[in-house]
């Protein structure tokens, strides 16, 4: 009895290969999403920490904070996302000192919502 490749064998092979490729595609999509989120997290960390360190350097040098310099610092950054800031009123948690809040906003993307990263600097 000469048994060749049957239609059932071909159908099983095709269906298993489709399942394998579909699983691989989902895995690659999840990896791309994770890499994009990691890149945005790293960018936000470096940008906001860099601004915070520059502001603290100004405070240590002049013992005061000049809010007129901050838009220039933000304009020096060449990033695709918006960085905003505001100075809040004195709070009890900061012993009555003002707080500078720095935000970097990441817009809504496919399969990932909008993100807002925040850093705070306690002003003298």
PDB file of N, CA and C in Angstrom:
ATOM      1  N   UNK A   1       0.852  -1.176   0.000  1.00  0.00           N
ATOM      2  CA  UNK A   1       0.000   0.000   0.000  1.00  0.00           C
ATOM      3  C   UNK A   1       0.893   1.234   0.000  1.00  0.00           C
ATOM      4  N   UNK A   2       0.765   2.029  -1.013  1.00  0.00           N
ATOM      5  CA  UNK A   2       1.568   3.231  -1.177  1.00  0.00           C
ATOM      6  C   UNK A   2       0.775   4.430  -0.668  1.00  0.00           C
ATOM      7  N   UNK A   3       1.198   4.903   0.472  1.00  0.00           N
ATOM      8  CA  UNK A   3       0.469   6.022   1.080  1.00  0.00           C
ATOM      9  C   UNK A   3       1.244   7.296   0.796  1.00  0.00           C
ATOM     10  N   UNK A   4       0.656   8.265   0.220  1.00  0.00           N
ATOM     11  CA  UNK A   4       1.289   9.548  -0.054  1.00  0.00           C
ATOM     12  C   UNK A   4       0.797  10.590   0.941  1.00  0.00           C
ATOM     13  N   UNK A   5       0.998  11.802   0.600  1.00  0.00           N
ATOM     14  CA  UNK A   5       0.520  12.904   1.443  1.00  0.00           C
ATOM     15  C   UNK A   5      -0.966  13.073   1.170  1.00  0.00           C
ATOM     16  N   UNK A   6      -1.740  12.986   2.240  1.00  0.00           N
ATOM     17  CA  UNK A   6      -3.188  13.106   2.076  1.00  0.00           C
ATOM     18  C   UNK A   6      -3.626  14.538   2.292  1.00  0.00           C
ATOM     19  N   UNK A   7      -4.853  14.790   1.980  1.00  0.00           N
ATOM     20  CA  UNK A   7      -5.430  16.122   2.171  1.00  0.00           C
ATOM     21  C   UNK A   7      -5.466  16.492   3.646  1.00  0.00           C
ATOM     22  N   UNK A   8      -5.701  15.530   4.510  1.00  0.00           N
ATOM     23  CA  UNK A   8      -5.718  15.790   5.955  1.00  0.00           C
ATOM     24  C   UNK A   8      -4.329  16.221   6.433  1.00  0.00           C
ATOM     25  N   UNK A   9      -3.295  15.571   5.954  1.00  0.00           N
ATOM     26  CA  UNK A   9      -1.929  15.950   6.324  1.00  0.00           C
ATOM     27  C   UNK A   9      -1.612  17.380   5.883  1.00  0.00           C
ATOM     28  N   UNK A  10      -2.015  17.730   4.688  1.00  0.00           N
ATOM     29  CA  UNK A  10      -1.763  19.078   4.192  1.00  0.00           C
ATOM     30  C   UNK A  10      -2.527  20.120   5.012  1.00  0.00           C
ATOM     31  N   UNK A  11      -3.793  19.837   5.324  1.00  0.00           N
ATOM     32  CA  UNK A  11      -4.613  20.769   6.105  1.00  0.00           C
ATOM     33  C   UNK A  11      -4.058  20.949   7.517  1.00  0.00           C
ATOM     34  N   UNK A  12      -3.613  19.866   8.144  1.00  0.00           N
ATOM     35  CA  UNK A  12      -3.021  19.972   9.481  1.00  0.00           C
ATOM     36  C   UNK A  12      -1.728  20.797   9.446  1.00  0.00           C
ATOM     37  N   UNK A  13      -0.923  20.578   8.455  1.00  0.00           N
ATOM     38  CA  UNK A  13       0.331  21.320   8.316  1.00  0.00           C
ATOM     39  C   UNK A  13       0.066  22.806   8.131  1.00  0.00           C
ATOM     40  N   UNK A  14      -0.882  23.124   7.276  1.00  0.00           N
ATOM     41  CA  UNK A  14      -1.211  24.537   7.028  1.00  0.00           C
ATOM     42  C   UNK A  14      -1.804  25.182   8.271  1.00  0.00           C
ATOM     43  N   UNK A  15      -2.720  24.510   8.959  1.00  0.00           N
ATOM     44  CA  UNK A  15      -3.352  25.106  10.138  1.00  0.00           C
ATOM     45  C   UNK A  15      -2.336  25.305  11.271  1.00  0.00           C
ATOM     46  N   UNK A  16      -1.435  24.355  11.466  1.00  0.00           N
ATOM     47  CA  UNK A  16      -0.419  24.513  12.509  1.00  0.00           C
ATOM     48  C   UNK A  16       0.567  25.636  12.172  1.00  0.00           C
ATOM     49  N   UNK A  17       0.925  25.756  10.898  1.00  0.00           N
ATOM     50  CA  UNK A  17       1.831  26.848  10.521  1.00  0.00           C
ATOM     51  C   UNK A  17       1.145  28.208  10.670  1.00  0.00           C
ATOM     52  N   UNK A  18      -0.155  28.300  10.379  1.00  0.00           N
ATOM     53  CA  UNK A  18      -0.898  29.559  10.581  1.00  0.00           C
ATOM     54  C   UNK A  18      -0.923  29.922  12.058  1.00  0.00           C
ATOM     55  N   UNK A  19      -1.162  28.951  12.909  1.00  0.00           N
ATOM     56  CA  UNK A  19      -1.154  29.217  14.359  1.00  0.00           C
ATOM     57  C   UNK A  19       0.222  29.682  14.817  1.00  0.00           C
ATOM     58  N   UNK A  20       1.257  29.081  14.296  1.00  0.00           N
ATOM     59  CA  UNK A  20       2.620  29.466  14.661  1.00  0.00           C
ATOM     60  C   UNK A  20       2.919  30.899  14.225  1.00  0.00           C
ATOM     61  N   UNK A  21       2.565  31.249  13.002  1.00  0.00           N
ATOM     62  CA  UNK A  21       2.828  32.599  12.507  1.00  0.00           C
ATOM     63  C   UNK A  21       1.965  33.647  13.216  1.00  0.00           C
ATOM     64  N   UNK A  22       0.715  33.302  13.526  1.00  0.00           N
ATOM     65  CA  UNK A  22      -0.151  34.249  14.238  1.00  0.00           C
ATOM     66  C   UNK A  22       0.399  34.511  15.647  1.00  0.00           C
ATOM     67  N   UNK A  23       0.841  33.467  16.326  1.00  0.00           N
ATOM     68  CA  UNK A  23       1.442  33.654  17.651  1.00  0.00           C
ATOM     69  C   UNK A  23       2.716  34.469  17.587  1.00  0.00           C
ATOM     70  N   UNK A  24       3.527  34.234  16.565  1.00  0.00           N
ATOM     71  CA  UNK A  24       4.751  35.021  16.388  1.00  0.00           C
ATOM     72  C   UNK A  24       4.455  36.484  16.130  1.00  0.00           C
ATOM     73  N   UNK A  25       3.435  36.769  15.342  1.00  0.00           N
ATOM     74  CA  UNK A  25       3.055  38.153  15.062  1.00  0.00           C
ATOM     75  C   UNK A  25       2.598  38.851  16.332  1.00  0.00           C
ATOM     76  N   UNK A  26       1.783  38.168  17.145  1.00  0.00           N
ATOM     77  CA  UNK A  26       1.329  38.785  18.405  1.00  0.00           C
ATOM     78  C   UNK A  26       2.511  39.033  19.348  1.00  0.00           C
ATOM     79  N   UNK A  27       3.444  38.123  19.379  1.00  0.00           N
ATOM     80  CA  UNK A  27       4.628  38.300  20.223  1.00  0.00           C
ATOM     81  C   UNK A  27       5.464  39.486  19.762  1.00  0.00           C
ATOM     82  N   UNK A  28       5.652  39.629  18.449  1.00  0.00           N
ATOM     83  CA  UNK A  28       6.416  40.761  17.920  1.00  0.00           C
ATOM     84  C   UNK A  28       5.697  42.073  18.199  1.00  0.00           C
ATOM     85  N   UNK A  29       4.373  42.100  18.090  1.00  0.00           N
ATOM     86  CA  UNK A  29       3.603  43.315  18.373  1.00  0.00           C
ATOM     87  C   UNK A  29       3.743  43.715  19.841  1.00  0.00           C
ATOM     88  N   UNK A  30       3.670  42.746  20.728  1.00  0.00           N
ATOM     89  CA  UNK A  30       3.831  43.039  22.155  1.00  0.00           C
ATOM     90  C   UNK A  30       5.238  43.542  22.455  1.00  0.00           C
ATOM     91  N   UNK A  31       6.226  42.975  21.790  1.00  0.00           N
ATOM     92  CA  UNK A  31       7.606  43.427  21.997  1.00  0.00           C
ATOM     93  C   UNK A  31       7.789  44.864  21.509  1.00  0.00           C
ATOM     94  N   UNK A  32       7.203  45.199  20.367  1.00  0.00           N
ATOM     95  CA  UNK A  32       7.307  46.576  19.857  1.00  0.00           C
ATOM     96  C   UNK A  32       6.652  47.564  20.803  1.00  0.00           C
ATOM     97  N   UNK A  33       5.474  47.197  21.340  1.00  0.00           N
ATOM     98  CA  UNK A  33       4.807  48.074  22.315  1.00  0.00           C
ATOM     99  C   UNK A  33       5.678  48.270  23.548  1.00  0.00           C
ATOM    100  N   UNK A  34       6.251  47.191  24.050  1.00  0.00           N
ATOM    101  CA  UNK A  34       7.102  47.288  25.244  1.00  0.00           C
ATOM    102  C   UNK A  34       8.331  48.145  24.970  1.00  0.00           C
ATOM    103  N   UNK A  35       8.929  47.999  23.788  1.00  0.00           N
ATOM    104  CA  UNK A  35      10.098  48.821  23.450  1.00  0.00           C
ATOM    105  C   UNK A  35       9.730  50.294  23.321  1.00  0.00           C
ATOM    106  N   UNK A  36       8.559  50.598  22.756  1.00  0.00           N
ATOM    107  CA  UNK A  36       8.130  51.986  22.624  1.00  0.00           C
ATOM    108  C   UNK A  36       7.893  52.616  24.000  1.00  0.00           C
ATOM    109  N   UNK A  37       7.227  51.879  24.892  1.00  0.00           N
ATOM    110  CA  UNK A  37       6.986  52.394  26.239  1.00  0.00           C
ATOM    111  C   UNK A  37       8.309  52.580  26.983  1.00  0.00           C
ATOM    112  N   UNK A  38       9.230  51.641  26.834  1.00  0.00           N
ATOM    113  CA  UNK A  38      10.537  51.766  27.492  1.00  0.00           C
ATOM    114  C   UNK A  38      11.302  52.968  26.948  1.00  0.00           C
ATOM    115  N   UNK A  39      11.226  53.211  25.634  1.00  0.00           N
ATOM    116  CA  UNK A  39      11.904  54.369  25.040  1.00  0.00           C
ATOM    117  C   UNK A  39      11.304  55.671  25.567  1.00  0.00           C
ATOM    118  N   UNK A  40       9.968  55.740  25.670  1.00  0.00           N
ATOM    119  CA  UNK A  40       9.327  56.947  26.178  1.00  0.00           C
ATOM    120  C   UNK A  40       9.647  57.162  27.649  1.00  0.00           C
ATOM    121  N   UNK A  41       9.667  56.086  28.427  1.00  0.00           N
ATOM    122  CA  UNK A  41      10.022  56.209  29.844  1.00  0.00           C
ATOM    123  C   UNK A  41      11.449  56.725  30.011  1.00  0.00           C
ATOM    124  N   UNK A  42      12.368  56.196  29.223  1.00  0.00           N
ATOM    125  CA  UNK A  42      13.760  56.621  29.307  1.00  0.00           C
ATOM    126  C   UNK A  42      13.916  58.070  28.879  1.00  0.00           C
ATOM    127  N   UNK A  43      13.242  58.447  27.807  1.00  0.00           N
ATOM    128  CA  UNK A  43      13.300  59.831  27.338  1.00  0.00           C
ATOM    129  C   UNK A  43      12.765  60.781  28.394  1.00  0.00           C
ATOM    130  N   UNK A  44      11.625  60.440  28.986  1.00  0.00           N
ATOM    131  CA  UNK A  44      11.045  61.296  30.023  1.00  0.00           C
ATOM    132  C   UNK A  44      11.968  61.401  31.230  1.00  0.00           C
ATOM    133  N   UNK A  45      12.561  60.290  31.618  1.00  0.00           N
ATOM    134  CA  UNK A  45      13.474  60.309  32.765  1.00  0.00           C
ATOM    135  C   UNK A  45      14.652  61.240  32.508  1.00  0.00           C
ATOM    136  N   UNK A  46      15.296  61.109  31.357  1.00  0.00           N
ATOM    137  CA  UNK A  46      16.461  61.938  31.065  1.00  0.00           C
ATOM    138  C   UNK A  46      16.099  63.410  30.869  1.00  0.00           C
ATOM    139  N   UNK A  47      14.993  63.679  30.186  1.00  0.00           N
ATOM    140  CA  UNK A  47      14.603  65.072  29.942  1.00  0.00           C
ATOM    141  C   UNK A  47      14.226  65.763  31.244  1.00  0.00           C
ATOM    142  N   UNK A  48      13.351  65.142  32.022  1.00  0.00           N
ATOM    143  CA  UNK A  48      12.889  65.799  33.252  1.00  0.00           C
ATOM    144  C   UNK A  48      13.984  65.870  34.312  1.00  0.00           C
ATOM    145  N   UNK A  49      14.798  64.834  34.415  1.00  0.00           N
ATOM    146  CA  UNK A  49      15.919  64.893  35.362  1.00  0.00           C
ATOM    147  C   UNK A  49      16.952  65.921  34.922  1.00  0.00           C
ATOM    148  N   UNK A  50      17.189  66.020  33.605  1.00  0.00           N
ATOM    149  CA  UNK A  50      18.123  67.030  33.106  1.00  0.00           C
ATOM    150  C   UNK A  50      17.642  68.442  33.408  1.00  0.00           C
ATOM    151  N   UNK A  51      16.363  68.701  33.182  1.00  0.00           N
ATOM    152  CA  UNK A  51      15.804  70.020  33.521  1.00  0.00           C
ATOM    153  C   UNK A  51      15.888  70.284  35.018  1.00  0.00           C
ATOM    154  N   UNK A  52      15.550  69.273  35.799  1.00  0.00           N
ATOM    155  CA  UNK A  52      15.607  69.424  37.262  1.00  0.00           C
ATOM    156  C   UNK A  52      17.030  69.733  37.720  1.00  0.00           C
ATOM    157  N   UNK A  53      18.004  69.018  37.177  1.00  0.00           N
ATOM    158  CA  UNK A  53      19.394  69.268  37.565  1.00  0.00           C
ATOM    159  C   UNK A  53      19.868  70.649  37.122  1.00  0.00           C
ATOM    160  N   UNK A  54      19.422  71.101  35.952  1.00  0.00           N
ATOM    161  CA  UNK A  54      19.797  72.435  35.486  1.00  0.00           C
ATOM    162  C   UNK A  54      19.199  73.516  36.382  1.00  0.00           C
ATOM    163  N   UNK A  55      17.959  73.321  36.799  1.00  0.00           N
ATOM    164  CA  UNK A  55      17.303  74.275  37.699  1.00  0.00           C
ATOM    165  C   UNK A  55      17.988  74.267  39.058  1.00  0.00           C
ATOM    166  N   UNK A  56      18.297  73.085  39.579  1.00  0.00           N
ATOM    167  CA  UNK A  56      18.987  73.010  40.871  1.00  0.00           C
ATOM    168  C   UNK A  56      20.370  73.649  40.791  1.00  0.00           C
ATOM    169  N   UNK A  57      21.036  73.506  39.649  1.00  0.00           N
ATOM    170  CA  UNK A  57      22.335  74.151  39.471  1.00  0.00           C
ATOM    171  C   UNK A  57      22.195  75.672  39.514  1.00  0.00           C
ATOM    172  N   UNK A  58      21.172  76.200  38.859  1.00  0.00           N
ATOM    173  CA  UNK A  58      20.919  77.643  38.920  1.00  0.00           C
ATOM    174  C   UNK A  58      20.619  78.103  40.340  1.00  0.00           C
ATOM    175  N   UNK A  59      19.831  77.301  41.049  1.00  0.00           N
ATOM    176  CA  UNK A  59      19.484  77.659  42.430  1.00  0.00           C
ATOM    177  C   UNK A  59      20.733  77.659  43.305  1.00  0.00           C
ATOM    178  N   UNK A  60      21.594  76.659  43.131  1.00  0.00           N
ATOM    179  CA  UNK A  60      22.808  76.592  43.945  1.00  0.00           C
ATOM    180  C   UNK A  60      23.779  77.720  43.602  1.00  0.00           C
ATOM    181  N   UNK A  61      23.789  78.143  42.341  1.00  0.00           N
ATOM    182  CA  UNK A  61      24.705  79.204  41.931  1.00  0.00           C
ATOM    183  C   UNK A  61      24.208  80.582  42.370  1.00  0.00           C
ATOM    184  N   UNK A  62      22.913  80.854  42.175  1.00  0.00           N
ATOM    185  CA  UNK A  62      22.371  82.187  42.448  1.00  0.00           C
ATOM    186  C   UNK A  62      21.545  82.258  43.722  1.00  0.00           C
ATOM    187  N   UNK A  63      21.301  81.129  44.364  1.00  0.00           N
ATOM    188  CA  UNK A  63      20.460  81.042  45.555  1.00  0.00           C
ATOM    189  C   UNK A  63      19.063  81.592  45.328  1.00  0.00           C
ATOM    190  N   UNK A  64      18.619  81.549  44.112  1.00  0.00           N
ATOM    191  CA  UNK A  64      17.251  81.960  43.779  1.00  0.00           C
ATOM    192  C   UNK A  64      16.836  81.262  42.494  1.00  0.00           C
ATOM    193  N   UNK A  65      15.565  81.318  42.191  1.00  0.00           N
ATOM    194  CA  UNK A  65      15.057  80.714  40.965  1.00  0.00           C
ATOM    195  C   UNK A  65      14.448  81.807  40.111  1.00  0.00           C
ATOM    196  N   UNK A  66      14.881  81.858  38.857  1.00  0.00           N
ATOM    197  CA  UNK A  66      14.353  82.830  37.909  1.00  0.00           C
ATOM    198  C   UNK A  66      13.465  82.085  36.910  1.00  0.00           C
ATOM    199  N   UNK A  67      12.132  82.218  37.025  1.00  0.00           N
ATOM    200  CA  UNK A  67      11.249  81.469  36.116  1.00  0.00           C
ATOM    201  C   UNK A  67      11.329  81.940  34.664  1.00  0.00           C
ATOM    202  N   UNK A  68      11.956  83.086  34.413  1.00  0.00           N
ATOM    203  CA  UNK A  68      12.084  83.556  33.034  1.00  0.00           C
ATOM    204  C   UNK A  68      13.067  82.707  32.229  1.00  0.00           C
ATOM    205  N   UNK A  69      13.972  82.007  32.888  1.00  0.00           N
ATOM    206  CA  UNK A  69      14.950  81.164  32.191  1.00  0.00           C
ATOM    207  C   UNK A  69      14.377  79.823  31.751  1.00  0.00           C
ATOM    208  N   UNK A  70      13.336  79.382  32.416  1.00  0.00           N
ATOM    209  CA  UNK A  70      12.803  78.044  32.166  1.00  0.00           C
ATOM    210  C   UNK A  70      12.296  77.838  30.733  1.00  0.00           C
ATOM    211  N   UNK A  71      11.560  78.773  30.118  1.00  0.00           N
ATOM    212  CA  UNK A  71      11.173  78.554  28.710  1.00  0.00           C
ATOM    213  C   UNK A  71      12.377  78.403  27.776  1.00  0.00           C
ATOM    214  N   UNK A  72      13.468  79.092  28.071  1.00  0.00           N
ATOM    215  CA  UNK A  72      14.685  78.930  27.269  1.00  0.00           C
ATOM    216  C   UNK A  72      15.289  77.551  27.430  1.00  0.00           C
ATOM    217  N   UNK A  73      15.257  77.031  28.655  1.00  0.00           N
ATOM    218  CA  UNK A  73      15.765  75.679  28.886  1.00  0.00           C
ATOM    219  C   UNK A  73      14.931  74.647  28.122  1.00  0.00           C
ATOM    220  N   UNK A  74      13.625  74.824  28.161  1.00  0.00           N
ATOM    221  CA  UNK A  74      12.737  73.884  27.479  1.00  0.00           C
ATOM    222  C   UNK A  74      12.899  74.007  25.966  1.00  0.00           C
ATOM    223  N   UNK A  75      13.105  75.229  25.476  1.00  0.00           N
ATOM    224  CA  UNK A  75      13.292  75.431  24.036  1.00  0.00           C
ATOM    225  C   UNK A  75      14.595  74.800  23.542  1.00  0.00           C
ATOM    226  N   UNK A  76      15.594  74.677  24.428  1.00  0.00           N
ATOM    227  CA  UNK A  76      16.865  74.041  24.046  1.00  0.00           C
ATOM    228  C   UNK A  76      16.711  72.549  23.768  1.00  0.00           C
ATOM    229  N   UNK A  77      15.679  71.952  24.323  1.00  0.00           N
ATOM    230  CA  UNK A  77      15.461  70.516  24.137  1.00  0.00           C
ATOM    231  C   UNK A  77      14.911  70.250  22.751  1.00  0.00           C
ATOM    232  N   UNK A  78      15.440  69.273  22.103  1.00  0.00           N
ATOM    233  CA  UNK A  78      14.964  68.867  20.778  1.00  0.00           C
ATOM    234  C   UNK A  78      14.277  67.514  20.905  1.00  0.00           C
ATOM    235  N   UNK A  79      13.071  67.526  21.453  1.00  0.00           N
ATOM    236  CA  UNK A  79      12.328  66.285  21.654  1.00  0.00           C
ATOM    237  C   UNK A  79      10.967  66.421  20.970  1.00  0.00           C
ATOM    238  N   UNK A  80      10.360  65.300  20.605  1.00  0.00           N
ATOM    239  CA  UNK A  80       9.086  65.369  19.885  1.00  0.00           C
ATOM    240  C   UNK A  80       7.870  65.564  20.777  1.00  0.00           C
ATOM    241  N   UNK A  81       8.066  65.672  22.085  1.00  0.00           N
ATOM    242  CA  UNK A  81       6.937  65.767  22.996  1.00  0.00           C
ATOM    243  C   UNK A  81       6.943  67.115  23.704  1.00  0.00           C
ATOM    244  N   UNK A  82       5.793  67.477  24.223  1.00  0.00           N
ATOM    245  CA  UNK A  82       5.635  68.773  24.875  1.00  0.00           C
ATOM    246  C   UNK A  82       6.038  68.691  26.344  1.00  0.00           C
ATOM    247  N   UNK A  83       6.796  69.665  26.787  1.00  0.00           N
ATOM    248  CA  UNK A  83       7.172  69.783  28.193  1.00  0.00           C
ATOM    249  C   UNK A  83       6.540  71.067  28.724  1.00  0.00           C
ATOM    250  N   UNK A  84       5.781  70.949  29.805  1.00  0.00           N
ATOM    251  CA  UNK A  84       5.138  72.109  30.418  1.00  0.00           C
ATOM    252  C   UNK A  84       5.553  72.194  31.876  1.00  0.00           C
ATOM    253  N   UNK A  85       5.242  73.325  32.487  1.00  0.00           N
ATOM    254  CA  UNK A  85       5.630  73.522  33.878  1.00  0.00           C
ATOM    255  C   UNK A  85       4.657  74.487  34.549  1.00  0.00           C
ATOM    256  N   UNK A  86       4.670  74.460  35.880  1.00  0.00           N
ATOM    257  CA  UNK A  86       3.920  75.441  36.670  1.00  0.00           C
ATOM    258  C   UNK A  86       4.518  75.487  38.071  1.00  0.00           C
ATOM    259  N   UNK A  87       4.364  76.625  38.698  1.00  0.00           N
ATOM    260  CA  UNK A  87       4.819  76.800  40.077  1.00  0.00           C
ATOM    261  C   UNK A  87       3.583  76.780  40.961  1.00  0.00           C
ATOM    262  N   UNK A  88       3.573  75.870  41.920  1.00  0.00           N
ATOM    263  CA  UNK A  88       2.421  75.740  42.807  1.00  0.00           C
ATOM    264  C   UNK A  88       2.616  76.585  44.054  1.00  0.00           C
ATOM    265  N   UNK A  89       1.537  76.814  44.731  1.00  0.00           N
ATOM    266  CA  UNK A  89       1.572  77.558  45.991  1.00  0.00           C
ATOM    267  C   UNK A  89       2.273  76.729  47.066  1.00  0.00           C
ATOM    268  N   UNK A  90       2.743  77.387  48.108  1.00  0.00           N
ATOM    269  CA  UNK A  90       3.403  76.636  49.186  1.00  0.00           C
ATOM    270  C   UNK A  90       2.470  75.577  49.773  1.00  0.00           C
ATOM    271  N   UNK A  91       3.056  74.410  50.051  1.00  0.00           N
ATOM    272  CA  UNK A  91       2.294  73.296  50.614  1.00  0.00           C
ATOM    273  C   UNK A  91       2.838  72.933  51.986  1.00  0.00           C
ATOM    274  N   UNK A  92       2.003  72.262  52.737  1.00  0.00           N
ATOM    275  CA  UNK A  92       2.415  71.828  54.071  1.00  0.00           C
ATOM    276  C   UNK A  92       3.493  70.748  53.969  1.00  0.00           C
ATOM    277  N   UNK A  93       3.412  69.898  52.941  1.00  0.00           N
ATOM    278  CA  UNK A  93       4.397  68.814  52.792  1.00  0.00           C
ATOM    279  C   UNK A  93       5.796  69.340  52.505  1.00  0.00           C
ATOM    280  N   UNK A  94       5.895  70.532  51.928  1.00  0.00           N
ATOM    281  CA  UNK A  94       7.198  71.094  51.571  1.00  0.00           C
ATOM    282  C   UNK A  94       7.626  72.194  52.533  1.00  0.00           C
ATOM    283  N   UNK A  95       7.072  72.190  53.720  1.00  0.00           N
ATOM    284  CA  UNK A  95       7.424  73.164  54.773  1.00  0.00           C
ATOM    285  C   UNK A  95       7.197  74.601  54.301  1.00  0.00           C
ATOM    286  N   UNK A  96       6.119  74.802  53.581  1.00  0.00           N
ATOM    287  CA  UNK A  96       5.758  76.155  53.161  1.00  0.00           C
ATOM    288  C   UNK A  96       6.540  76.685  51.973  1.00  0.00           C
ATOM    289  N   UNK A  97       7.276  75.838  51.260  1.00  0.00           N
ATOM    290  CA  UNK A  97       8.031  76.294  50.091  1.00  0.00           C
ATOM    291  C   UNK A  97       7.242  76.013  48.815  1.00  0.00           C
ATOM    292  N   UNK A  98       7.499  76.824  47.805  1.00  0.00           N
ATOM    293  CA  UNK A  98       6.849  76.621  46.510  1.00  0.00           C
ATOM    294  C   UNK A  98       7.449  75.391  45.820  1.00  0.00           C
ATOM    295  N   UNK A  99       6.675  74.813  44.910  1.00  0.00           N
ATOM    296  CA  UNK A  99       7.107  73.630  44.177  1.00  0.00           C
ATOM    297  C   UNK A  99       6.955  73.898  42.678  1.00  0.00           C
ATOM    298  N   UNK A 100       8.014  73.608  41.932  1.00  0.00           N
ATOM    299  CA  UNK A 100       7.983  73.687  40.481  1.00  0.00           C
ATOM    300  C   UNK A 100       7.676  72.288  39.955  1.00  0.00           C
ATOM    301  N   UNK A 101       6.590  72.167  39.191  1.00  0.00           N
ATOM    302  CA  UNK A 101       6.212  70.886  38.606  1.00  0.00           C
ATOM    303  C   UNK A 101       6.552  70.910  37.124  1.00  0.00           C
ATOM    304  N   UNK A 102       7.279  69.890  36.677  1.00  0.00           N
ATOM    305  CA  UNK A 102       7.640  69.727  35.261  1.00  0.00           C
ATOM    306  C   UNK A 102       6.888  68.520  34.725  1.00  0.00           C
ATOM    307  N   UNK A 103       6.217  68.683  33.567  1.00  0.00           N
ATOM    308  CA  UNK A 103       5.472  67.594  32.941  1.00  0.00           C
ATOM    309  C   UNK A 103       5.980  67.356  31.539  1.00  0.00           C
ATOM    310  N   UNK A 104       6.013  66.100  31.179  1.00  0.00           N
ATOM    311  CA  UNK A 104       6.228  65.735  29.785  1.00  0.00           C
ATOM    312  C   UNK A 104       5.047  64.878  29.380  1.00  0.00           C
ATOM    313  N   UNK A 105       4.342  65.311  28.340  1.00  0.00           N
ATOM    314  CA  UNK A 105       3.122  64.633  27.925  1.00  0.00           C
ATOM    315  C   UNK A 105       3.366  63.852  26.632  1.00  0.00           C
ATOM    316  N   UNK A 106       3.026  62.573  26.669  1.00  0.00           N
ATOM    317  CA  UNK A 106       3.133  61.699  25.509  1.00  0.00           C
ATOM    318  C   UNK A 106       1.716  61.526  24.959  1.00  0.00           C
ATOM    319  N   UNK A 107       1.477  61.805  23.674  1.00  0.00           N
ATOM    320  CA  UNK A 107       0.118  61.701  23.142  1.00  0.00           C
ATOM    321  C   UNK A 107      -0.364  60.261  23.050  1.00  0.00           C
ATOM    322  N   UNK A 108      -1.661  60.123  22.844  1.00  0.00           N
ATOM    323  CA  UNK A 108      -2.283  58.813  22.706  1.00  0.00           C
ATOM    324  C   UNK A 108      -1.792  58.138  21.425  1.00  0.00           C
ATOM    325  N   UNK A 109      -1.420  56.879  21.544  1.00  0.00           N
ATOM    326  CA  UNK A 109      -0.945  56.108  20.393  1.00  0.00           C
ATOM    327  C   UNK A 109      -1.756  54.831  20.278  1.00  0.00           C
ATOM    328  N   UNK A 110      -1.547  54.132  19.172  1.00  0.00           N
ATOM    329  CA  UNK A 110      -2.254  52.879  18.979  1.00  0.00           C
ATOM    330  C   UNK A 110      -1.839  51.879  20.065  1.00  0.00           C
ATOM    331  N   UNK A 111      -2.804  51.308  20.715  1.00  0.00           N
ATOM    332  CA  UNK A 111      -2.618  50.302  21.773  1.00  0.00           C
ATOM    333  C   UNK A 111      -1.901  50.835  23.008  1.00  0.00           C
ATOM    334  N   UNK A 112      -1.695  52.129  23.099  1.00  0.00           N
ATOM    335  CA  UNK A 112      -1.070  52.703  24.293  1.00  0.00           C
ATOM    336  C   UNK A 112      -1.713  54.058  24.538  1.00  0.00           C
ATOM    337  N   UNK A 113      -2.200  54.271  25.728  1.00  0.00           N
ATOM    338  CA  UNK A 113      -2.849  55.528  26.046  1.00  0.00           C
ATOM    339  C   UNK A 113      -1.841  56.650  26.233  1.00  0.00           C
ATOM    340  N   UNK A 114      -2.368  57.833  26.468  1.00  0.00           N
ATOM    341  CA  UNK A 114      -1.515  58.988  26.711  1.00  0.00           C
ATOM    342  C   UNK A 114      -0.848  58.845  28.081  1.00  0.00           C
ATOM    343  N   UNK A 115       0.347  59.362  28.179  1.00  0.00           N
ATOM    344  CA  UNK A 115       1.097  59.314  29.436  1.00  0.00           C
ATOM    345  C   UNK A 115       1.508  60.718  29.825  1.00  0.00           C
ATOM    346  N   UNK A 116       1.591  60.943  31.124  1.00  0.00           N
ATOM    347  CA  UNK A 116       2.127  62.199  31.648  1.00  0.00           C
ATOM    348  C   UNK A 116       3.167  61.849  32.701  1.00  0.00           C
ATOM    349  N   UNK A 117       4.377  62.326  32.479  1.00  0.00           N
ATOM    350  CA  UNK A 117       5.475  62.097  33.414  1.00  0.00           C
ATOM    351  C   UNK A 117       5.706  63.390  34.188  1.00  0.00           C
ATOM    352  N   UNK A 118       5.901  63.288  35.480  1.00  0.00           N
ATOM    353  CA  UNK A 118       5.986  64.464  36.341  1.00  0.00           C
ATOM    354  C   UNK A 118       7.253  64.398  37.183  1.00  0.00           C
ATOM    355  N   UNK A 119       7.931  65.533  37.309  1.00  0.00           N
ATOM    356  CA  UNK A 119       9.042  65.709  38.253  1.00  0.00           C
ATOM    357  C   UNK A 119       8.774  66.991  39.003  1.00  0.00           C
ATOM    358  N   UNK A 120       9.182  67.034  40.252  1.00  0.00           N
ATOM    359  CA  UNK A 120       8.968  68.217  41.088  1.00  0.00           C
ATOM    360  C   UNK A 120      10.311  68.722  41.623  1.00  0.00           C
ATOM    361  N   UNK A 121      10.394  70.034  41.738  1.00  0.00           N
ATOM    362  CA  UNK A 121      11.567  70.679  42.312  1.00  0.00           C
ATOM    363  C   UNK A 121      11.069  71.615  43.400  1.00  0.00           C
ATOM    364  N   UNK A 122      11.577  71.426  44.598  1.00  0.00           N
ATOM    365  CA  UNK A 122      11.199  72.319  45.706  1.00  0.00           C
ATOM    366  C   UNK A 122      12.070  73.570  45.591  1.00  0.00           C
ATOM    367  N   UNK A 123      11.392  74.709  45.490  1.00  0.00           N
ATOM    368  CA  UNK A 123      12.100  75.976  45.284  1.00  0.00           C
ATOM    369  C   UNK A 123      12.396  76.649  46.616  1.00  0.00           C
ATOM    370  N   UNK A 124      13.480  77.432  46.669  1.00  0.00           N
ATOM    371  CA  UNK A 124      13.797  78.135  47.919  1.00  0.00           C
ATOM    372  C   UNK A 124      12.871  79.299  48.149  1.00  0.00           C
TER     373      UNK A 124
END
